[in-house]
Amino acid sequence: STRDTLQQEKYAEYKLCPHEDDSTMRLRLVQFYKSTSLINKEKFLKPLVLSNKTLHQRPLSTRMGCEVKSEAAGKIRGKLPYYAEGLVVKGFGRGSKELGFPTANFEEKVIDELPEELTSGIYWGYAQLQNSPVYGMVMSIGWNPFYNNEKRTMETHILHHFDGDLYGEHLKVIIVNYIRPELNFPDLQALKDAIANDISVSKKEMEMEQYQKFTSDKFFTSQ
C-alpha cells in the first residue's frame, strides 16, 4: 500500500550499509520500530533482520544513498585519530539528571578548531583529566536534535565514575573512531537506548588490539 511504501522510505534513513556492523543495524531498526506507525510492525521488520544479505534487495536509490553515507563516513575516518584538549565548562546539565550519562563539555574554542570533516555524530576514543588515568570515552559532536540545541557542542561521556562535577578541569581526548551520525529520537527512552548502544559498541572496539596503543599515547603522558 501507499502507507507501507512511505514507511519503507522512512526506514531507508536507518538502513544497514555495507561498512556497518550488526550492532549499528540493530540500533537503526530499533529507532525505526519506535518511530513507525505501521500496525503490523513485526511482519514488516522481520525480513529486514534475517541477515545482511536480505538488505541487498533494497531499491537502487536506497543503495546509492548508502554509498553516499559510506563515502561521508570514509572522509570522517580519514581525519581520525583526532587530538583535542581544553577546559571543561558547564553544559546543559541533562547528562546526569535526565539521561543518566554524565558528560564533560569542552569550551567553545576547542569546538571551533574541529576540522570540517568531523561532522555531527557519535564517536569513541580515550580521555584523560589532568593527572588521572586514561579512560575510554564516547563523544557526541553536534546540536543534539532531540533537545534542539542552538550551540554546537562536544560532549564527552568518560567511562568512569567521578565524584562531583569536572568544571575547570583540563581534559585531553583522542577521538579514535566514528560510530554513527547524529539522529533525532521519538522519545527520551529511545535516546537513552541509543546512548547505551553507543557505549556497548565503543567498549567492544576498545578491546581490539589495534586500538590499545592509544592508551599510552605520548599525548597523554606529556604534560
N, C-alpha and C. Protein backbone atom coordinates (compact mmCIF):
# COMPACT_ATOMS: atom_id res chain seq x y z
N SER A 1 0.84 -1.19 0.00
CA SER A 1 0.00 0.00 0.00
C SER A 1 0.87 1.24 0.00
N THR A 2 0.25 2.38 -0.30
CA THR A 2 1.00 3.64 -0.29
C THR A 2 1.56 3.93 1.08
N ARG A 3 0.76 3.62 2.14
CA ARG A 3 1.21 3.85 3.50
C ARG A 3 2.46 3.03 3.82
N ASP A 4 2.46 1.75 3.42
CA ASP A 4 3.62 0.90 3.65
C ASP A 4 4.83 1.39 2.88
N THR A 5 4.60 1.86 1.64
CA THR A 5 5.71 2.37 0.82
C THR A 5 6.37 3.56 1.49
N LEU A 6 5.55 4.47 2.04
CA LEU A 6 6.08 5.63 2.72
C LEU A 6 6.89 5.22 3.94
N GLN A 7 6.42 4.21 4.67
CA GLN A 7 7.14 3.75 5.84
C GLN A 7 8.45 3.07 5.44
N GLN A 8 8.45 2.39 4.30
CA GLN A 8 9.67 1.77 3.82
C GLN A 8 10.70 2.82 3.45
N GLU A 9 10.22 3.93 2.84
CA GLU A 9 11.13 5.01 2.52
C GLU A 9 11.72 5.60 3.79
N LYS A 10 10.88 5.70 4.83
CA LYS A 10 11.36 6.22 6.11
C LYS A 10 12.41 5.29 6.68
N TYR A 11 12.23 4.01 6.52
CA TYR A 11 13.20 3.04 7.02
C TYR A 11 14.56 3.24 6.38
N ALA A 12 14.57 3.72 5.12
CA ALA A 12 15.83 3.88 4.40
C ALA A 12 16.81 4.76 5.17
N GLU A 13 16.29 5.67 6.00
CA GLU A 13 17.16 6.53 6.79
C GLU A 13 17.97 5.72 7.80
N TYR A 14 17.49 4.53 8.16
CA TYR A 14 18.14 3.72 9.18
C TYR A 14 18.68 2.41 8.62
N LYS A 15 18.88 2.37 7.31
CA LYS A 15 19.28 1.13 6.66
C LYS A 15 20.70 0.72 7.05
N LEU A 16 21.00 -0.53 6.79
CA LEU A 16 22.35 -1.04 7.01
C LEU A 16 23.19 -0.82 5.76
N CYS A 17 24.32 -0.17 5.90
CA CYS A 17 25.25 -0.01 4.80
C CYS A 17 26.32 -1.09 4.91
N PRO A 18 27.01 -1.40 3.81
CA PRO A 18 28.00 -2.48 3.85
C PRO A 18 29.09 -2.31 4.90
N HIS A 19 29.43 -1.05 5.24
CA HIS A 19 30.51 -0.83 6.20
C HIS A 19 30.04 -0.90 7.64
N GLU A 20 28.75 -1.06 7.84
CA GLU A 20 28.21 -1.04 9.19
C GLU A 20 28.09 -2.45 9.76
N ASP A 21 28.26 -2.56 11.08
CA ASP A 21 28.17 -3.87 11.70
C ASP A 21 26.76 -4.15 12.20
N ASP A 22 26.55 -5.34 12.74
CA ASP A 22 25.22 -5.75 13.17
C ASP A 22 24.66 -4.86 14.27
N SER A 23 25.52 -4.36 15.15
CA SER A 23 25.02 -3.53 16.24
C SER A 23 24.43 -2.24 15.71
N THR A 24 25.05 -1.67 14.66
CA THR A 24 24.52 -0.45 14.05
C THR A 24 23.18 -0.74 13.41
N MET A 25 23.07 -1.90 12.75
CA MET A 25 21.81 -2.27 12.12
C MET A 25 20.71 -2.40 13.17
N ARG A 26 21.03 -3.05 14.29
CA ARG A 26 20.02 -3.24 15.32
C ARG A 26 19.56 -1.90 15.88
N LEU A 27 20.51 -0.99 16.07
CA LEU A 27 20.15 0.33 16.59
C LEU A 27 19.20 1.03 15.64
N ARG A 28 19.52 0.99 14.37
CA ARG A 28 18.67 1.69 13.40
C ARG A 28 17.30 1.04 13.29
N LEU A 29 17.25 -0.27 13.40
CA LEU A 29 15.96 -0.95 13.37
C LEU A 29 15.12 -0.58 14.59
N VAL A 30 15.76 -0.48 15.75
CA VAL A 30 15.04 -0.09 16.97
C VAL A 30 14.48 1.31 16.79
N GLN A 31 15.29 2.21 16.25
CA GLN A 31 14.83 3.58 16.04
C GLN A 31 13.64 3.61 15.08
N PHE A 32 13.73 2.83 14.02
CA PHE A 32 12.63 2.79 13.07
C PHE A 32 11.38 2.19 13.71
N TYR A 33 11.59 1.12 14.45
CA TYR A 33 10.47 0.42 15.09
C TYR A 33 9.70 1.37 16.00
N LYS A 34 10.42 2.22 16.74
CA LYS A 34 9.76 3.12 17.68
C LYS A 34 9.12 4.32 16.99
N SER A 35 9.61 4.67 15.80
CA SER A 35 9.09 5.86 15.14
C SER A 35 7.98 5.56 14.13
N THR A 36 7.90 4.31 13.66
CA THR A 36 6.91 4.00 12.66
C THR A 36 5.52 3.81 13.26
N SER A 37 4.52 4.07 12.45
CA SER A 37 3.15 3.89 12.91
C SER A 37 2.48 2.69 12.24
N LEU A 38 3.30 1.85 11.60
CA LEU A 38 2.75 0.66 10.97
C LEU A 38 2.01 -0.20 12.00
N ILE A 39 0.87 -0.71 11.61
CA ILE A 39 0.08 -1.53 12.54
C ILE A 39 0.79 -2.86 12.78
N ASN A 40 1.24 -3.51 11.70
CA ASN A 40 1.88 -4.81 11.82
C ASN A 40 3.39 -4.65 11.71
N LYS A 41 4.02 -4.15 12.77
CA LYS A 41 5.44 -3.86 12.73
C LYS A 41 6.27 -5.13 12.58
N GLU A 42 5.91 -6.17 13.32
CA GLU A 42 6.70 -7.39 13.29
C GLU A 42 6.79 -7.97 11.89
N LYS A 43 5.67 -7.98 11.19
CA LYS A 43 5.63 -8.54 9.84
C LYS A 43 6.53 -7.73 8.91
N PHE A 44 6.54 -6.40 9.11
CA PHE A 44 7.32 -5.54 8.24
C PHE A 44 8.82 -5.65 8.51
N LEU A 45 9.19 -5.73 9.80
CA LEU A 45 10.59 -5.70 10.16
C LEU A 45 11.29 -7.05 10.06
N LYS A 46 10.54 -8.14 10.25
CA LYS A 46 11.17 -9.46 10.32
C LYS A 46 12.09 -9.77 9.14
N PRO A 47 11.65 -9.57 7.88
CA PRO A 47 12.54 -9.92 6.78
C PRO A 47 13.78 -9.03 6.72
N LEU A 48 13.74 -7.87 7.38
CA LEU A 48 14.87 -6.95 7.31
C LEU A 48 16.00 -7.34 8.25
N VAL A 49 15.71 -8.18 9.24
CA VAL A 49 16.73 -8.51 10.23
C VAL A 49 17.23 -9.95 10.13
N LEU A 50 16.84 -10.65 9.08
CA LEU A 50 17.29 -12.03 8.93
C LEU A 50 18.80 -12.11 8.73
N SER A 51 19.32 -11.27 7.87
CA SER A 51 20.76 -11.26 7.61
C SER A 51 21.10 -10.03 6.81
N ASN A 52 22.40 -9.73 6.73
CA ASN A 52 22.82 -8.59 5.92
C ASN A 52 22.44 -8.79 4.45
N LYS A 53 22.45 -10.04 4.02
CA LYS A 53 22.16 -10.32 2.60
C LYS A 53 20.74 -9.92 2.24
N THR A 54 19.83 -10.01 3.20
CA THR A 54 18.44 -9.67 2.91
C THR A 54 18.32 -8.26 2.40
N LEU A 55 19.17 -7.35 2.90
CA LEU A 55 19.03 -5.94 2.59
C LEU A 55 19.56 -5.56 1.21
N HIS A 56 20.20 -6.51 0.51
CA HIS A 56 20.69 -6.15 -0.81
C HIS A 56 19.55 -5.96 -1.78
N GLN A 57 18.33 -6.36 -1.40
CA GLN A 57 17.18 -6.25 -2.27
C GLN A 57 16.55 -4.85 -2.23
N ARG A 58 17.11 -3.95 -1.42
CA ARG A 58 16.53 -2.62 -1.32
C ARG A 58 16.65 -1.89 -2.65
N PRO A 59 15.81 -0.85 -2.89
CA PRO A 59 15.82 -0.13 -4.17
C PRO A 59 17.18 0.49 -4.46
N LEU A 60 17.44 0.70 -5.75
CA LEU A 60 18.71 1.29 -6.17
C LEU A 60 18.94 2.64 -5.50
N SER A 61 17.88 3.46 -5.41
CA SER A 61 18.03 4.78 -4.80
C SER A 61 18.52 4.67 -3.37
N THR A 62 18.04 3.65 -2.65
CA THR A 62 18.47 3.44 -1.27
C THR A 62 19.92 3.01 -1.23
N ARG A 63 20.32 2.11 -2.16
CA ARG A 63 21.70 1.66 -2.18
C ARG A 63 22.64 2.82 -2.52
N MET A 64 22.20 3.71 -3.41
CA MET A 64 23.02 4.87 -3.77
C MET A 64 23.19 5.78 -2.56
N GLY A 65 22.12 5.95 -1.79
CA GLY A 65 22.19 6.76 -0.58
C GLY A 65 23.16 6.16 0.41
N CYS A 66 23.15 4.82 0.44
CA CYS A 66 24.05 4.11 1.34
C CYS A 66 25.50 4.37 0.95
N GLU A 67 25.77 4.38 -0.36
CA GLU A 67 27.12 4.63 -0.83
C GLU A 67 27.58 6.04 -0.48
N VAL A 68 26.65 7.00 -0.56
CA VAL A 68 26.97 8.38 -0.20
C VAL A 68 27.33 8.46 1.27
N LYS A 69 26.53 7.78 2.12
CA LYS A 69 26.82 7.79 3.55
C LYS A 69 28.14 7.09 3.83
N SER A 70 28.44 6.04 3.09
CA SER A 70 29.69 5.33 3.27
C SER A 70 30.86 6.24 2.93
N GLU A 71 30.72 7.03 1.87
CA GLU A 71 31.77 7.96 1.46
C GLU A 71 31.98 9.03 2.53
N ALA A 72 30.86 9.54 3.09
CA ALA A 72 30.95 10.55 4.14
C ALA A 72 31.67 10.00 5.37
N ALA A 73 31.32 8.75 5.74
CA ALA A 73 31.98 8.12 6.89
C ALA A 73 33.47 7.94 6.60
N GLY A 74 33.80 7.66 5.35
CA GLY A 74 35.21 7.50 4.98
C GLY A 74 35.99 8.79 5.16
N LYS A 75 35.37 9.92 4.83
CA LYS A 75 36.02 11.22 5.00
C LYS A 75 36.23 11.53 6.47
N ILE A 76 35.25 11.16 7.30
CA ILE A 76 35.38 11.38 8.74
C ILE A 76 36.55 10.57 9.28
N ARG A 77 36.57 9.27 8.94
CA ARG A 77 37.62 8.40 9.47
C ARG A 77 39.00 8.79 8.94
N GLY A 78 39.01 9.48 7.79
CA GLY A 78 40.28 9.95 7.24
C GLY A 78 40.93 11.01 8.12
N LYS A 79 40.16 11.63 8.99
CA LYS A 79 40.68 12.66 9.90
C LYS A 79 40.97 12.11 11.30
N LEU A 80 40.77 10.81 11.46
CA LEU A 80 40.97 10.18 12.77
C LEU A 80 42.27 9.37 12.79
N PRO A 81 42.96 9.28 13.91
CA PRO A 81 42.56 9.83 15.22
C PRO A 81 42.71 11.35 15.26
N TYR A 82 41.88 11.99 16.08
CA TYR A 82 41.93 13.43 16.25
C TYR A 82 42.20 13.75 17.71
N TYR A 83 43.14 14.65 17.95
CA TYR A 83 43.57 15.00 19.30
C TYR A 83 43.01 16.37 19.68
N ALA A 84 42.46 16.47 20.87
CA ALA A 84 41.92 17.74 21.34
C ALA A 84 42.11 17.87 22.84
N GLU A 85 42.24 19.09 23.30
CA GLU A 85 42.35 19.34 24.74
C GLU A 85 41.85 20.73 25.06
N GLY A 86 41.37 20.89 26.29
CA GLY A 86 40.87 22.19 26.72
C GLY A 86 40.15 22.06 28.04
N LEU A 87 39.54 23.16 28.46
CA LEU A 87 38.86 23.18 29.74
C LEU A 87 37.45 22.61 29.65
N VAL A 88 37.02 21.99 30.74
CA VAL A 88 35.65 21.51 30.86
C VAL A 88 34.78 22.67 31.36
N VAL A 89 33.69 22.94 30.66
CA VAL A 89 32.80 24.03 31.05
C VAL A 89 31.42 23.49 31.38
N LYS A 90 30.61 24.31 31.98
CA LYS A 90 29.25 23.90 32.36
C LYS A 90 28.41 23.70 31.11
N GLY A 91 27.71 22.58 31.05
CA GLY A 91 26.85 22.28 29.92
C GLY A 91 25.40 22.55 30.25
N PHE A 92 24.51 21.73 29.69
CA PHE A 92 23.08 21.92 29.89
C PHE A 92 22.57 21.24 31.16
N GLY A 93 23.41 20.39 31.77
CA GLY A 93 23.01 19.71 32.99
C GLY A 93 22.03 18.57 32.79
N ARG A 94 21.95 18.06 31.54
CA ARG A 94 20.98 17.00 31.26
C ARG A 94 21.60 15.61 31.33
N GLY A 95 22.94 15.54 31.14
CA GLY A 95 23.60 14.25 31.07
C GLY A 95 23.33 13.37 32.27
N SER A 96 23.51 13.91 33.46
CA SER A 96 23.30 13.13 34.68
C SER A 96 21.84 13.08 35.08
N LYS A 97 21.19 14.23 35.06
CA LYS A 97 19.83 14.35 35.60
C LYS A 97 18.80 13.61 34.77
N GLU A 98 18.80 13.84 33.46
CA GLU A 98 17.76 13.26 32.60
C GLU A 98 18.16 11.95 31.96
N LEU A 99 19.43 11.85 31.60
CA LEU A 99 19.86 10.71 30.79
C LEU A 99 20.59 9.63 31.59
N GLY A 100 21.22 10.02 32.68
CA GLY A 100 21.99 9.05 33.45
C GLY A 100 23.36 8.79 32.87
N PHE A 101 23.80 9.65 31.94
CA PHE A 101 25.12 9.53 31.32
C PHE A 101 25.81 10.88 31.43
N PRO A 102 26.51 11.17 32.52
CA PRO A 102 27.15 12.48 32.69
C PRO A 102 28.20 12.74 31.62
N THR A 103 28.31 14.01 31.23
CA THR A 103 29.27 14.38 30.19
C THR A 103 30.14 15.55 30.63
N ALA A 104 31.34 15.60 30.07
CA ALA A 104 32.24 16.74 30.25
C ALA A 104 32.22 17.52 28.94
N ASN A 105 31.89 18.79 29.01
CA ASN A 105 31.71 19.61 27.82
C ASN A 105 32.92 20.52 27.59
N PHE A 106 33.43 20.50 26.37
CA PHE A 106 34.58 21.34 26.03
C PHE A 106 34.17 22.81 25.86
N GLU A 107 35.13 23.69 26.14
CA GLU A 107 34.94 25.11 25.88
C GLU A 107 34.83 25.35 24.37
N GLU A 108 34.26 26.50 23.99
CA GLU A 108 33.94 26.77 22.59
C GLU A 108 35.15 26.76 21.67
N LYS A 109 36.28 27.24 22.14
CA LYS A 109 37.44 27.33 21.23
C LYS A 109 37.90 25.96 20.76
N VAL A 110 37.69 24.93 21.58
CA VAL A 110 38.05 23.56 21.17
C VAL A 110 37.11 23.11 20.05
N ILE A 111 35.85 23.44 20.19
CA ILE A 111 34.85 23.08 19.17
C ILE A 111 35.14 23.80 17.86
N ASP A 112 35.52 25.08 17.96
CA ASP A 112 35.79 25.88 16.77
C ASP A 112 36.97 25.36 15.98
N GLU A 113 37.87 24.65 16.64
CA GLU A 113 39.07 24.13 15.97
C GLU A 113 38.84 22.78 15.29
N LEU A 114 37.67 22.20 15.45
CA LEU A 114 37.38 20.92 14.81
C LEU A 114 37.48 21.03 13.29
N PRO A 115 38.11 20.07 12.62
CA PRO A 115 38.11 20.09 11.15
C PRO A 115 36.70 19.87 10.62
N GLU A 116 36.40 20.45 9.48
CA GLU A 116 35.04 20.37 8.94
C GLU A 116 34.62 18.94 8.64
N GLU A 117 35.58 18.05 8.43
CA GLU A 117 35.24 16.65 8.15
C GLU A 117 34.60 15.96 9.34
N LEU A 118 34.91 16.42 10.55
CA LEU A 118 34.32 15.80 11.74
C LEU A 118 32.93 16.38 11.97
N THR A 119 32.01 15.87 11.20
CA THR A 119 30.63 16.35 11.23
C THR A 119 29.90 15.85 12.48
N SER A 120 28.68 16.32 12.63
CA SER A 120 27.87 15.92 13.78
C SER A 120 27.71 14.41 13.80
N GLY A 121 27.90 13.83 14.98
CA GLY A 121 27.78 12.38 15.09
C GLY A 121 28.30 11.89 16.43
N ILE A 122 28.35 10.58 16.56
CA ILE A 122 28.81 9.93 17.78
C ILE A 122 30.14 9.25 17.50
N TYR A 123 31.10 9.50 18.38
CA TYR A 123 32.45 8.99 18.22
C TYR A 123 32.89 8.30 19.52
N TRP A 124 33.97 7.54 19.44
CA TRP A 124 34.55 6.99 20.66
C TRP A 124 36.06 7.18 20.64
N GLY A 125 36.63 7.11 21.83
CA GLY A 125 38.07 7.26 21.92
C GLY A 125 38.53 7.12 23.35
N TYR A 126 39.52 7.93 23.73
CA TYR A 126 40.09 7.87 25.06
C TYR A 126 40.21 9.27 25.64
N ALA A 127 40.14 9.35 26.97
CA ALA A 127 40.16 10.65 27.63
C ALA A 127 41.00 10.61 28.89
N GLN A 128 41.51 11.79 29.24
CA GLN A 128 42.30 11.91 30.48
C GLN A 128 42.04 13.29 31.09
N LEU A 129 41.78 13.29 32.38
CA LEU A 129 41.60 14.54 33.12
C LEU A 129 42.87 14.83 33.92
N GLN A 130 43.57 15.90 33.55
CA GLN A 130 44.78 16.30 34.25
C GLN A 130 45.67 15.12 34.58
N ASN A 131 45.81 14.73 35.84
CA ASN A 131 46.73 13.64 36.19
C ASN A 131 46.02 12.30 36.38
N SER A 132 44.83 12.17 35.86
CA SER A 132 44.08 10.93 36.03
C SER A 132 44.59 9.86 35.07
N PRO A 133 44.21 8.59 35.29
CA PRO A 133 44.50 7.56 34.29
C PRO A 133 43.75 7.86 32.99
N VAL A 134 44.08 7.11 31.97
CA VAL A 134 43.38 7.24 30.69
C VAL A 134 42.18 6.30 30.70
N TYR A 135 41.00 6.84 30.35
CA TYR A 135 39.77 6.04 30.31
C TYR A 135 39.17 6.08 28.91
N GLY A 136 38.34 5.10 28.63
CA GLY A 136 37.59 5.13 27.39
C GLY A 136 36.53 6.22 27.47
N MET A 137 36.09 6.68 26.32
CA MET A 137 35.05 7.70 26.30
C MET A 137 34.21 7.56 25.04
N VAL A 138 32.98 8.08 25.12
CA VAL A 138 32.09 8.19 23.97
C VAL A 138 31.72 9.66 23.85
N MET A 139 31.82 10.21 22.66
CA MET A 139 31.60 11.65 22.47
C MET A 139 30.51 11.94 21.45
N SER A 140 29.68 12.92 21.79
CA SER A 140 28.68 13.43 20.86
C SER A 140 29.14 14.80 20.37
N ILE A 141 29.24 14.94 19.06
CA ILE A 141 29.57 16.23 18.46
C ILE A 141 28.34 16.69 17.69
N GLY A 142 27.86 17.88 17.98
CA GLY A 142 26.72 18.38 17.22
C GLY A 142 25.77 19.23 18.03
N TRP A 143 24.51 19.27 17.57
CA TRP A 143 23.49 20.13 18.15
C TRP A 143 22.45 19.37 18.95
N ASN A 144 22.55 18.05 18.97
CA ASN A 144 21.58 17.22 19.69
C ASN A 144 20.15 17.58 19.29
N PRO A 145 19.69 17.11 18.14
CA PRO A 145 18.37 17.49 17.63
C PRO A 145 17.21 17.15 18.56
N PHE A 146 17.38 16.18 19.45
CA PHE A 146 16.30 15.84 20.38
C PHE A 146 16.00 17.03 21.30
N TYR A 147 17.04 17.80 21.64
CA TYR A 147 16.87 18.95 22.53
C TYR A 147 16.91 20.29 21.79
N ASN A 148 17.12 20.24 20.46
CA ASN A 148 17.16 21.46 19.66
C ASN A 148 18.18 22.46 20.18
N ASN A 149 19.38 21.99 20.44
CA ASN A 149 20.44 22.89 20.91
C ASN A 149 20.71 23.98 19.88
N GLU A 150 21.01 25.16 20.34
CA GLU A 150 21.34 26.27 19.46
C GLU A 150 22.85 26.40 19.26
N LYS A 151 23.63 25.76 20.12
CA LYS A 151 25.08 25.80 20.00
C LYS A 151 25.62 24.39 19.77
N ARG A 152 26.65 24.32 18.93
CA ARG A 152 27.31 23.05 18.70
C ARG A 152 28.14 22.69 19.94
N THR A 153 28.14 21.43 20.30
CA THR A 153 28.86 21.01 21.50
C THR A 153 29.73 19.78 21.22
N MET A 154 30.70 19.58 22.11
CA MET A 154 31.47 18.34 22.16
C MET A 154 31.25 17.79 23.57
N GLU A 155 30.37 16.81 23.69
CA GLU A 155 30.00 16.25 24.99
C GLU A 155 30.67 14.89 25.16
N THR A 156 31.54 14.79 26.16
CA THR A 156 32.33 13.59 26.37
C THR A 156 31.82 12.81 27.57
N HIS A 157 31.36 11.59 27.31
CA HIS A 157 30.97 10.70 28.41
C HIS A 157 32.16 9.80 28.69
N ILE A 158 32.84 10.05 29.82
CA ILE A 158 34.00 9.26 30.20
C ILE A 158 33.53 7.99 30.91
N LEU A 159 34.08 6.87 30.51
CA LEU A 159 33.64 5.58 31.04
C LEU A 159 34.28 5.29 32.40
N HIS A 160 33.99 6.20 33.33
CA HIS A 160 34.49 6.08 34.70
C HIS A 160 33.64 6.99 35.58
N HIS A 161 33.42 6.57 36.82
CA HIS A 161 32.61 7.40 37.73
C HIS A 161 33.52 8.39 38.46
N PHE A 162 33.13 9.65 38.42
CA PHE A 162 33.83 10.70 39.15
C PHE A 162 32.88 11.31 40.18
N ASP A 163 33.41 11.60 41.34
CA ASP A 163 32.61 12.28 42.36
C ASP A 163 32.64 13.79 42.10
N GLY A 164 31.47 14.41 42.08
CA GLY A 164 31.41 15.84 41.86
C GLY A 164 31.51 16.20 40.40
N ASP A 165 31.41 17.52 40.11
CA ASP A 165 31.50 17.97 38.72
C ASP A 165 32.96 18.14 38.30
N LEU A 166 33.16 18.33 37.01
CA LEU A 166 34.51 18.42 36.45
C LEU A 166 34.81 19.80 35.89
N TYR A 167 34.00 20.80 36.23
CA TYR A 167 34.18 22.14 35.68
C TYR A 167 35.55 22.69 36.02
N GLY A 168 36.22 23.25 34.99
CA GLY A 168 37.53 23.83 35.19
C GLY A 168 38.68 22.85 35.04
N GLU A 169 38.36 21.56 34.96
CA GLU A 169 39.41 20.54 34.76
C GLU A 169 39.94 20.63 33.32
N HIS A 170 41.20 20.26 33.15
CA HIS A 170 41.79 20.21 31.82
C HIS A 170 41.58 18.81 31.26
N LEU A 171 40.91 18.72 30.13
CA LEU A 171 40.55 17.44 29.53
C LEU A 171 41.30 17.23 28.22
N LYS A 172 41.89 16.04 28.09
CA LYS A 172 42.52 15.62 26.83
C LYS A 172 41.73 14.45 26.26
N VAL A 173 41.51 14.46 24.96
CA VAL A 173 40.83 13.33 24.32
C VAL A 173 41.52 12.98 23.00
N ILE A 174 41.47 11.71 22.69
CA ILE A 174 41.83 11.23 21.35
C ILE A 174 40.57 10.60 20.78
N ILE A 175 40.04 11.19 19.73
CA ILE A 175 38.87 10.62 19.06
C ILE A 175 39.39 9.57 18.08
N VAL A 176 39.05 8.34 18.31
CA VAL A 176 39.63 7.22 17.56
C VAL A 176 38.75 6.75 16.41
N ASN A 177 37.45 6.67 16.64
CA ASN A 177 36.59 6.12 15.59
C ASN A 177 35.21 6.75 15.62
N TYR A 178 34.53 6.61 14.50
CA TYR A 178 33.19 7.17 14.28
C TYR A 178 32.17 6.05 14.40
N ILE A 179 31.09 6.29 15.16
CA ILE A 179 30.07 5.26 15.34
C ILE A 179 28.89 5.45 14.39
N ARG A 180 28.28 6.63 14.44
CA ARG A 180 27.06 6.86 13.65
C ARG A 180 26.80 8.35 13.54
N PRO A 181 25.91 8.74 12.62
CA PRO A 181 25.53 10.16 12.54
C PRO A 181 24.64 10.56 13.71
N GLU A 182 24.51 11.85 13.91
CA GLU A 182 23.61 12.37 14.93
C GLU A 182 22.17 12.18 14.46
N LEU A 183 21.31 11.71 15.34
CA LEU A 183 19.93 11.41 14.98
C LEU A 183 18.95 12.02 15.97
N ASN A 184 17.72 12.20 15.53
CA ASN A 184 16.66 12.61 16.45
C ASN A 184 15.95 11.34 16.92
N PHE A 185 15.19 11.45 18.00
CA PHE A 185 14.53 10.29 18.57
C PHE A 185 13.10 10.63 18.96
N PRO A 186 12.21 9.64 18.92
CA PRO A 186 10.79 9.90 19.21
C PRO A 186 10.52 10.21 20.67
N ASP A 187 11.38 9.73 21.57
CA ASP A 187 11.16 9.98 22.99
C ASP A 187 12.47 9.82 23.75
N LEU A 188 12.45 10.19 25.03
CA LEU A 188 13.65 10.17 25.86
C LEU A 188 14.22 8.76 26.01
N GLN A 189 13.35 7.77 26.16
CA GLN A 189 13.83 6.40 26.34
C GLN A 189 14.57 5.91 25.10
N ALA A 190 14.10 6.29 23.92
CA ALA A 190 14.79 5.89 22.69
C ALA A 190 16.18 6.50 22.64
N LEU A 191 16.32 7.74 23.11
CA LEU A 191 17.63 8.38 23.17
C LEU A 191 18.54 7.65 24.15
N LYS A 192 18.01 7.30 25.32
CA LYS A 192 18.79 6.55 26.31
C LYS A 192 19.25 5.21 25.75
N ASP A 193 18.36 4.52 25.05
CA ASP A 193 18.70 3.23 24.45
C ASP A 193 19.83 3.38 23.44
N ALA A 194 19.77 4.46 22.66
CA ALA A 194 20.80 4.69 21.65
C ALA A 194 22.15 4.95 22.30
N ILE A 195 22.15 5.75 23.37
CA ILE A 195 23.40 6.05 24.08
C ILE A 195 23.99 4.77 24.67
N ALA A 196 23.14 3.95 25.28
CA ALA A 196 23.61 2.69 25.85
C ALA A 196 24.21 1.81 24.76
N ASN A 197 23.60 1.81 23.60
CA ASN A 197 24.11 1.02 22.48
C ASN A 197 25.45 1.58 22.00
N ASP A 198 25.56 2.90 21.94
CA ASP A 198 26.82 3.53 21.53
C ASP A 198 27.95 3.12 22.46
N ILE A 199 27.66 3.10 23.75
CA ILE A 199 28.67 2.72 24.75
C ILE A 199 29.07 1.26 24.56
N SER A 200 28.08 0.41 24.32
CA SER A 200 28.36 -1.02 24.11
C SER A 200 29.23 -1.23 22.88
N VAL A 201 28.90 -0.56 21.78
CA VAL A 201 29.68 -0.66 20.55
C VAL A 201 31.11 -0.19 20.80
N SER A 202 31.24 0.93 21.52
CA SER A 202 32.56 1.51 21.79
C SER A 202 33.43 0.56 22.61
N LYS A 203 32.84 -0.01 23.66
CA LYS A 203 33.61 -0.91 24.52
C LYS A 203 34.13 -2.12 23.74
N LYS A 204 33.32 -2.63 22.82
CA LYS A 204 33.75 -3.78 22.02
C LYS A 204 34.94 -3.41 21.15
N GLU A 205 34.90 -2.22 20.56
CA GLU A 205 36.01 -1.81 19.69
C GLU A 205 37.26 -1.52 20.51
N MET A 206 37.08 -0.97 21.71
CA MET A 206 38.24 -0.67 22.57
C MET A 206 39.03 -1.92 22.94
N GLU A 207 38.37 -3.06 22.90
CA GLU A 207 39.04 -4.32 23.22
C GLU A 207 39.95 -4.80 22.10
N MET A 208 39.81 -4.23 20.91
CA MET A 208 40.61 -4.66 19.77
C MET A 208 42.06 -4.24 19.95
N GLU A 209 42.96 -5.15 19.64
CA GLU A 209 44.39 -4.92 19.85
C GLU A 209 44.90 -3.68 19.12
N GLN A 210 44.36 -3.40 17.96
CA GLN A 210 44.85 -2.28 17.15
C GLN A 210 44.66 -0.92 17.81
N TYR A 211 43.76 -0.87 18.82
CA TYR A 211 43.49 0.42 19.46
C TYR A 211 44.18 0.57 20.82
N GLN A 212 44.82 -0.47 21.30
CA GLN A 212 45.42 -0.42 22.63
C GLN A 212 46.54 0.63 22.73
N LYS A 213 47.19 0.90 21.63
CA LYS A 213 48.32 1.83 21.64
C LYS A 213 47.91 3.24 22.09
N PHE A 214 46.65 3.60 21.89
CA PHE A 214 46.23 4.96 22.23
C PHE A 214 46.20 5.21 23.73
N THR A 215 46.07 4.17 24.53
CA THR A 215 46.01 4.37 25.98
C THR A 215 47.35 4.84 26.54
N SER A 216 48.42 4.57 25.81
CA SER A 216 49.75 5.00 26.27
C SER A 216 50.35 6.03 25.31
N ASP A 217 49.51 6.69 24.54
CA ASP A 217 49.97 7.69 23.59
C ASP A 217 50.71 8.82 24.32
N LYS A 218 51.76 9.34 23.72
CA LYS A 218 52.56 10.40 24.35
C LYS A 218 51.73 11.66 24.60
N PHE A 219 50.62 11.80 23.89
CA PHE A 219 49.72 12.93 24.10
C PHE A 219 49.21 12.94 25.54
N PHE A 220 49.00 11.76 26.08
CA PHE A 220 48.52 11.65 27.47
C PHE A 220 49.67 11.72 28.47
N THR A 221 50.81 11.19 28.09
CA THR A 221 51.92 11.11 29.05
C THR A 221 52.68 12.43 29.18
N SER A 222 52.61 13.27 28.14
CA SER A 222 53.30 14.57 28.19
C SER A 222 52.48 15.58 28.98
N GLN A 223 53.11 16.47 29.67
CA GLN A 223 52.43 17.49 30.47
C GLN A 223 52.33 18.81 29.71
